[in-house]
C-alpha atoms as a PDB file:
ATOM      1  CA  ILE A   1      28.033 -14.595  -0.501  1.00  0.00           C
ATOM      2  CA  LYS A   2      24.733 -13.470   1.004  1.00  0.00           C
ATOM      3  CA  SER A   3      21.813 -15.670   1.966  1.00  0.00           C
ATOM      4  CA  TYR A   4      18.157 -14.784   1.597  1.00  0.00           C
ATOM      5  CA  ARG A   5      15.230 -16.614   3.151  1.00  0.00           C
ATOM      6  CA  SER A   6      12.366 -17.629   0.901  1.00  0.00           C
ATOM      7  CA  ASN A   7      10.115 -15.530   3.137  1.00  0.00           C
ATOM      8  CA  PRO A   8      11.917 -12.636   4.857  1.00  0.00           C
ATOM      9  CA  ILE A   9       9.123 -12.172   7.406  1.00  0.00           C
ATOM     10  CA  ASN A  10       9.477 -15.749   8.668  1.00  0.00           C
ATOM     11  CA  PRO A  11      12.831 -16.191  10.456  1.00  0.00           C
ATOM     12  CA  LYS A  12      12.118 -19.943  10.779  1.00  0.00           C
ATOM     13  CA  SER A  13      11.902 -20.420   7.020  1.00  0.00           C
ATOM     14  CA  LYS A  14      14.418 -23.108   6.119  1.00  0.00           C
ATOM     15  CA  THR A  15      14.551 -22.413   2.409  1.00  0.00           C
ATOM     16  CA  LEU A  16      17.582 -20.264   1.681  1.00  0.00           C
ATOM     17  CA  LYS A  17      19.020 -18.900  -1.534  1.00  0.00           C
ATOM     18  CA  TYR A  18      22.711 -18.026  -1.604  1.00  0.00           C
ATOM     19  CA  ILE A  19      23.784 -15.233  -3.937  1.00  0.00           C
ATOM     20  CA  SER A  20      27.256 -14.062  -4.817  1.00  0.00           C
ATOM     21  CA  ILE A  21      27.282 -10.278  -4.384  1.00  0.00           C
ATOM     22  CA  ASP A  22      30.812  -9.563  -5.616  1.00  0.00           C
ATOM     23  CA  PRO A  23      30.584  -7.977  -9.100  1.00  0.00           C
ATOM     24  CA  PHE A  24      34.013  -9.161 -10.263  1.00  0.00           C
ATOM     25  CA  LEU A  25      33.449 -12.761  -9.148  1.00  0.00           C
ATOM     26  CA  ASN A  26      30.016 -12.753 -10.781  1.00  0.00           C
ATOM     27  CA  PHE A  27      31.558 -11.636 -14.068  1.00  0.00           C
ATOM     28  CA  TYR A  28      34.417 -14.120 -13.738  1.00  0.00           C
ATOM     29  CA  PHE A  29      32.176 -17.130 -13.091  1.00  0.00           C
ATOM     30  CA  TYR A  30      29.611 -16.084 -15.688  1.00  0.00           C
ATOM     31  CA  PHE A  31      32.009 -15.419 -18.574  1.00  0.00           C
ATOM     32  CA  ILE A  32      35.588 -16.491 -17.912  1.00  0.00           C
ATOM     33  CA  HIS A  33      35.667 -19.599 -15.714  1.00  0.00           C
ATOM     34  CA  ASN A  34      33.815 -21.860 -18.178  1.00  0.00           C
ATOM     35  CA  HIS A  35      35.817 -20.504 -21.116  1.00  0.00           C
ATOM     36  CA  LYS A  36      39.349 -20.570 -19.671  1.00  0.00           C
ATOM     37  CA  ASN A  37      40.538 -23.175 -22.175  1.00  0.00           C
ATOM     38  CA  ILE A  38      39.317 -21.057 -25.058  1.00  0.00           C
ATOM     39  CA  ILE A  39      40.615 -17.756 -23.643  1.00  0.00           C
ATOM     40  CA  PHE A  40      44.028 -18.909 -22.436  1.00  0.00           C
ATOM     41  CA  GLY A  41      44.558 -21.795 -24.836  1.00  0.00           C
ATOM     42  CA  LYS A  42      43.615 -19.697 -27.823  1.00  0.00           C
ATOM     43  CA  THR A  43      41.820 -22.691 -29.319  1.00  0.00           C
ATOM     44  CA  ARG A  44      39.392 -20.365 -31.045  1.00  0.00           C
ATOM     45  CA  LYS A  45      40.390 -17.555 -33.330  1.00  0.00           C
ATOM     46  CA  GLY A  46      38.656 -14.286 -33.856  1.00  0.00           C
ATOM     47  CA  ASP A  47      36.954 -11.792 -31.619  1.00  0.00           C
ATOM     48  CA  LEU A  48      36.331 -13.678 -28.361  1.00  0.00           C
ATOM     49  CA  PHE A  49      34.265 -10.823 -26.921  1.00  0.00           C
ATOM     50  CA  ASN A  50      31.713 -11.067 -29.727  1.00  0.00           C
ATOM     51  CA  GLN A  51      31.772 -14.869 -29.665  1.00  0.00           C
ATOM     52  CA  LEU A  52      31.621 -15.532 -25.930  1.00  0.00           C
ATOM     53  CA  ILE A  53      30.413 -12.448 -24.091  1.00  0.00           C
ATOM     54  CA  ARG A  54      28.172 -10.304 -26.299  1.00  0.00           C
ATOM     55  CA  PRO A  55      25.435 -12.967 -26.756  1.00  0.00           C
ATOM     56  CA  ARG A  56      25.113 -13.452 -22.971  1.00  0.00           C
ATOM     57  CA  LEU A  57      25.739  -9.858 -21.876  1.00  0.00           C
ATOM     58  CA  PRO A  58      22.087  -8.669 -21.672  1.00  0.00           C
ATOM     59  CA  GLN A  59      21.154 -11.583 -19.395  1.00  0.00           C
ATOM     60  CA  PHE A  60      24.223 -11.007 -17.216  1.00  0.00           C
ATOM     61  CA  LEU A  61      23.473  -7.277 -16.930  1.00  0.00           C
ATOM     62  CA  GLY A  62      19.931  -8.157 -15.843  1.00  0.00           C
ATOM     63  CA  TYR A  63      21.292 -10.339 -13.024  1.00  0.00           C
ATOM     64  CA  ALA A  64      23.845  -7.676 -12.103  1.00  0.00           C
ATOM     65  CA  PHE A  65      21.164  -4.970 -11.967  1.00  0.00           C
ATOM     66  CA  GLU A  66      18.955  -7.154  -9.777  1.00  0.00           C
ATOM     67  CA  LYS A  67      21.865  -7.760  -7.378  1.00  0.00           C
ATOM     68  CA  PHE A  68      22.657  -4.041  -7.356  1.00  0.00           C
ATOM     69  CA  CYS A  69      19.057  -3.336  -6.338  1.00  0.00           C
ATOM     70  CA  LEU A  70      19.134  -5.974  -3.581  1.00  0.00           C
ATOM     71  CA  GLN A  71      22.357  -4.502  -2.185  1.00  0.00           C
ATOM     72  CA  ASN A  72      20.796  -1.034  -2.243  1.00  0.00           C
ATOM     73  CA  ALA A  73      17.320  -2.012  -1.058  1.00  0.00           C
ATOM     74  CA  MET A  74      17.180   0.595   1.711  1.00  0.00           C
ATOM     75  CA  LEU A  75      18.295   3.333  -0.686  1.00  0.00           C
ATOM     76  CA  ILE A  76      15.460   2.241  -2.970  1.00  0.00           C
ATOM     77  CA  ALA A  77      13.038   2.356  -0.025  1.00  0.00           C
ATOM     78  CA  GLU A  78      14.254   5.886   0.680  1.00  0.00           C
ATOM     79  CA  HIS A  79      13.549   6.941  -2.908  1.00  0.00           C
ATOM     80  CA  LEU A  80      10.126   5.309  -2.686  1.00  0.00           C
ATOM     81  CA  THR A  81       9.598   7.341   0.539  1.00  0.00           C
ATOM     82  CA  PHE A  82       8.895   4.526   2.996  1.00  0.00           C
ATOM     83  CA  GLN A  83      12.369   3.768   4.411  1.00  0.00           C
ATOM     84  CA  ASN A  84      11.201   4.360   8.024  1.00  0.00           C
ATOM     85  CA  GLU A  85       8.350   1.843   7.691  1.00  0.00           C
ATOM     86  CA  VAL A  86      10.367  -1.178   6.477  1.00  0.00           C
ATOM     87  CA  GLU A  87      10.309  -4.171   8.814  1.00  0.00           C
ATOM     88  CA  HIS A  88      11.739  -6.825   6.477  1.00  0.00           C
ATOM     89  CA  PHE A  89      12.908  -6.882   2.878  1.00  0.00           C
ATOM     90  CA  GLY A  90      14.525  -9.178   0.353  1.00  0.00           C
ATOM     91  CA  PRO A  91      13.670 -11.394  -2.581  1.00  0.00           C
ATOM     92  CA  TYR A  92      10.696 -13.740  -2.251  1.00  0.00           C
ATOM     93  CA  PHE A  93      10.503 -17.189  -3.766  1.00  0.00           C
ATOM     94  CA  LYS A  94       8.339 -20.272  -3.508  1.00  0.00           C
ATOM     95  CA  LYS A  95       9.270 -23.578  -5.053  1.00  0.00           C
ATOM     96  CA  ALA A  96       6.963 -25.751  -7.134  1.00  0.00           C
ATOM     97  CA  PRO A  97       4.051 -26.238  -7.425  1.00  0.00           C
ATOM     98  CA  VAL A  98       3.480 -22.499  -6.911  1.00  0.00           C
ATOM     99  CA  GLY A  99       6.630 -21.379  -8.719  1.00  0.00           C
ATOM    100  CA  LEU A 100       6.748 -17.763  -7.614  1.00  0.00           C
ATOM    101  CA  GLN A 101       9.759 -15.460  -7.609  1.00  0.00           C
ATOM    102  CA  ILE A 102       9.601 -11.752  -6.769  1.00  0.00           C
ATOM    103  CA  ASP A 103      12.773  -9.735  -7.201  1.00  0.00           C
ATOM    104  CA  LEU A 104      12.370  -7.581  -4.080  1.00  0.00           C
ATOM    105  CA  ILE A 105       9.643  -7.165  -1.471  1.00  0.00           C
ATOM    106  CA  TYR A 106       9.239  -4.845   1.480  1.00  0.00           C
ATOM    107  CA  PHE A 107       7.105  -5.791   4.478  1.00  0.00           C
ATOM    108  CA  ARG A 108       6.082  -2.523   6.066  1.00  0.00           C
ATOM    109  CA  GLU A 109       4.751  -1.489   9.480  1.00  0.00           C
ATOM    110  CA  ASN A 110       1.362  -0.410   8.154  1.00  0.00           C
ATOM    111  CA  LYS A 111       0.385  -3.965   7.077  1.00  0.00           C
ATOM    112  CA  SER A 112       1.336  -3.288   3.485  1.00  0.00           C
ATOM    113  CA  ILE A 113       3.761  -5.084   1.230  1.00  0.00           C
ATOM    114  CA  THR A 114       5.508  -3.467  -1.689  1.00  0.00           C
ATOM    115  CA  ILE A 115       6.437  -5.983  -4.337  1.00  0.00           C
ATOM    116  CA  CYS A 116       9.083  -4.809  -6.791  1.00  0.00           C
ATOM    117  CA  GLU A 117       9.697  -5.968 -10.317  1.00  0.00           C
ATOM    118  CA  ILE A 118      13.266  -5.188 -11.363  1.00  0.00           C
ATOM    119  CA  LYS A 119      13.841  -4.896 -15.114  1.00  0.00           C
ATOM    120  CA  TYR A 120      17.057  -4.306 -16.998  1.00  0.00           C
ATOM    121  CA  SER A 121      16.832  -3.304 -20.642  1.00  0.00           C
ATOM    122  CA  ASP A 122      18.553  -1.002 -23.093  1.00  0.00           C
ATOM    123  CA  GLU A 123      15.118  -0.163 -24.474  1.00  0.00           C
ATOM    124  CA  GLU A 124      12.035   1.331 -22.848  1.00  0.00           C
ATOM    125  CA  ILE A 125      10.033  -1.104 -20.740  1.00  0.00           C
ATOM    126  CA  GLY A 126       6.647  -1.697 -22.350  1.00  0.00           C
ATOM    127  CA  PRO A 127       3.182  -2.680 -21.099  1.00  0.00           C
ATOM    128  CA  SER A 128       3.953  -6.422 -21.080  1.00  0.00           C
ATOM    129  CA  VAL A 129       5.524  -5.818 -17.650  1.00  0.00           C
ATOM    130  CA  ILE A 130       2.033  -5.111 -16.290  1.00  0.00           C
ATOM    131  CA  SER A 131       0.690  -8.562 -17.141  1.00  0.00           C
ATOM    132  CA  GLU A 132       3.875 -10.183 -15.752  1.00  0.00           C
ATOM    133  CA  MET A 133       3.463  -8.286 -12.494  1.00  0.00           C
ATOM    134  CA  GLU A 134      -0.261  -8.987 -12.260  1.00  0.00           C
ATOM    135  CA  ILE A 135       0.339 -12.738 -12.391  1.00  0.00           C
ATOM    136  CA  LYS A 136       2.909 -12.454  -9.594  1.00  0.00           C
ATOM    137  CA  ALA A 137       0.714 -10.133  -7.525  1.00  0.00           C
ATOM    138  CA  GLN A 138      -2.273 -12.488  -7.785  1.00  0.00           C
ATOM    139  CA  LYS A 139      -0.246 -15.509  -6.660  1.00  0.00           C
ATOM    140  CA  PHE A 140       1.492 -13.530  -3.922  1.00  0.00           C
ATOM    141  CA  SER A 141      -1.675 -12.016  -2.445  1.00  0.00           C
ATOM    142  CA  HIS A 142      -2.978 -15.503  -1.585  1.00  0.00           C
ATOM    143  CA  PHE A 143      -0.116 -15.989   0.870  1.00  0.00           C
ATOM    144  CA  PHE A 144      -0.644 -12.656   2.664  1.00  0.00           C
ATOM    145  CA  PRO A 145      -4.377 -11.816   2.510  1.00  0.00           C
ATOM    146  CA  GLU A 146      -4.154  -9.553   5.573  1.00  0.00           C
ATOM    147  CA  TYR A 147      -1.723  -7.196   3.830  1.00  0.00           C
ATOM    148  CA  ARG A 148      -2.366  -4.418   1.326  1.00  0.00           C
ATOM    149  CA  ILE A 149      -0.261  -5.019  -1.781  1.00  0.00           C
ATOM    150  CA  GLN A 150       1.527  -2.178  -3.555  1.00  0.00           C
ATOM    151  CA  LYS A 151       3.461  -2.625  -6.779  1.00  0.00           C
ATOM    152  CA  ALA A 152       6.749  -1.007  -7.765  1.00  0.00           C
ATOM    153  CA  LEU A 153       8.706  -1.097 -10.992  1.00  0.00           C
ATOM    154  CA  ILE A 154      12.455  -0.506 -10.858  1.00  0.00           C
ATOM    155  CA  VAL A 155      14.064  -0.140 -14.265  1.00  0.00           C
ATOM    156  CA  SER A 156      17.508   0.467 -15.694  1.00  0.00           C
ATOM    157  CA  SER A 157      16.256   2.668 -18.511  1.00  0.00           C
ATOM    158  CA  ALA A 158      13.026   4.420 -19.384  1.00  0.00           C
ATOM    159  CA  VAL A 159       9.425   3.249 -19.231  1.00  0.00           C
ATOM    160  CA  LYS A 160       6.992   3.649 -22.108  1.00  0.00           C
ATOM    161  CA  LYS A 161       4.346   6.300 -21.589  1.00  0.00           C
ATOM    162  CA  SER A 162       1.579   3.687 -21.794  1.00  0.00           C
ATOM    163  CA  VAL A 163       2.937   2.030 -18.619  1.00  0.00           C
ATOM    164  CA  ILE A 164       2.961   5.352 -16.758  1.00  0.00           C
ATOM    165  CA  VAL A 165      -0.492   6.373 -17.998  1.00  0.00           C
ATOM    166  CA  SER A 166      -1.963   3.018 -16.911  1.00  0.00           C
ATOM    167  CA  LYS A 167      -1.214   3.946 -13.267  1.00  0.00           C
ATOM    168  CA  TYR A 168      -0.877   0.228 -12.551  1.00  0.00           C
ATOM    169  CA  PHE A 169       2.304   0.684 -10.520  1.00  0.00           C
ATOM    170  CA  ASP A 170       2.232   2.591  -7.242  1.00  0.00           C
ATOM    171  CA  TYR A 171       5.909   3.436  -7.751  1.00  0.00           C
ATOM    172  CA  ILE A 172       8.188   3.618 -10.774  1.00  0.00           C
ATOM    173  CA  LEU A 173      11.882   4.171 -10.156  1.00  0.00           C
ATOM    174  CA  VAL A 174      14.558   4.582 -12.832  1.00  0.00           C
ATOM    175  CA  ALA A 175      18.122   3.587 -11.906  1.00  0.00           C
ATOM    176  CA  THR A 176      19.487   7.046 -12.692  1.00  0.00           C
ATOM    177  CA  ASP A 177      17.352   8.367  -9.798  1.00  0.00           C
ATOM    178  CA  LEU A 178      19.475   6.258  -7.431  1.00  0.00           C
ATOM    179  CA  LEU A 179      22.778   7.709  -8.566  1.00  0.00           C
END
C-alpha cells in the first residue's frame, strides 16, 4: 500500500489516497475475491473468464497501467528529459466541488509543472484526449498561477497522427519506450 497526498508540493495536506501497488493483489481483489463463490463453488457453468473477467479487463488494465506509471514516475521523467529538475511528483486530486484528478504531475525546479494524462487502450488514442486534457489543465492552472504548465501524454499503444500534428502536448511517451 502506498499513500499519495492530494497535493504533493504541500506536505501539510491532510487528504491522502491509499493505493495498492501489488499487481497480484490488485488482480485478486478486482476479479477473484468478489467471485469466490462462483469460481470455487462452481455455481455457474461455462467459460468463467469470458463471463467474469473479459468484460472488466480493459478497465482493470487501465488502472494497472496507471499504477505502473506511478511506480516508474522517475523513469518517465528520465524519458521526458527532466529527471534532474523534479522536486515533487505524484497524482493530484481535489474533491468536490472542483472535482479534479490528474494521473501524474511533476513539480519542477524551474517553476514549471508537467501534468500527465495516462491512457491505456488497445487502439490508437484519438484527438478526444486533447479536450479532456484541456479541461483538466484549465482547472489546474487556477491553483498554481505562478507556474508554467506543460502537458504530457503517456499511452500504452499508439497515438493518432492528428494528436501528434496538433502539437498540443509538450511530451508524448509510448509505454514501449519505457521497456
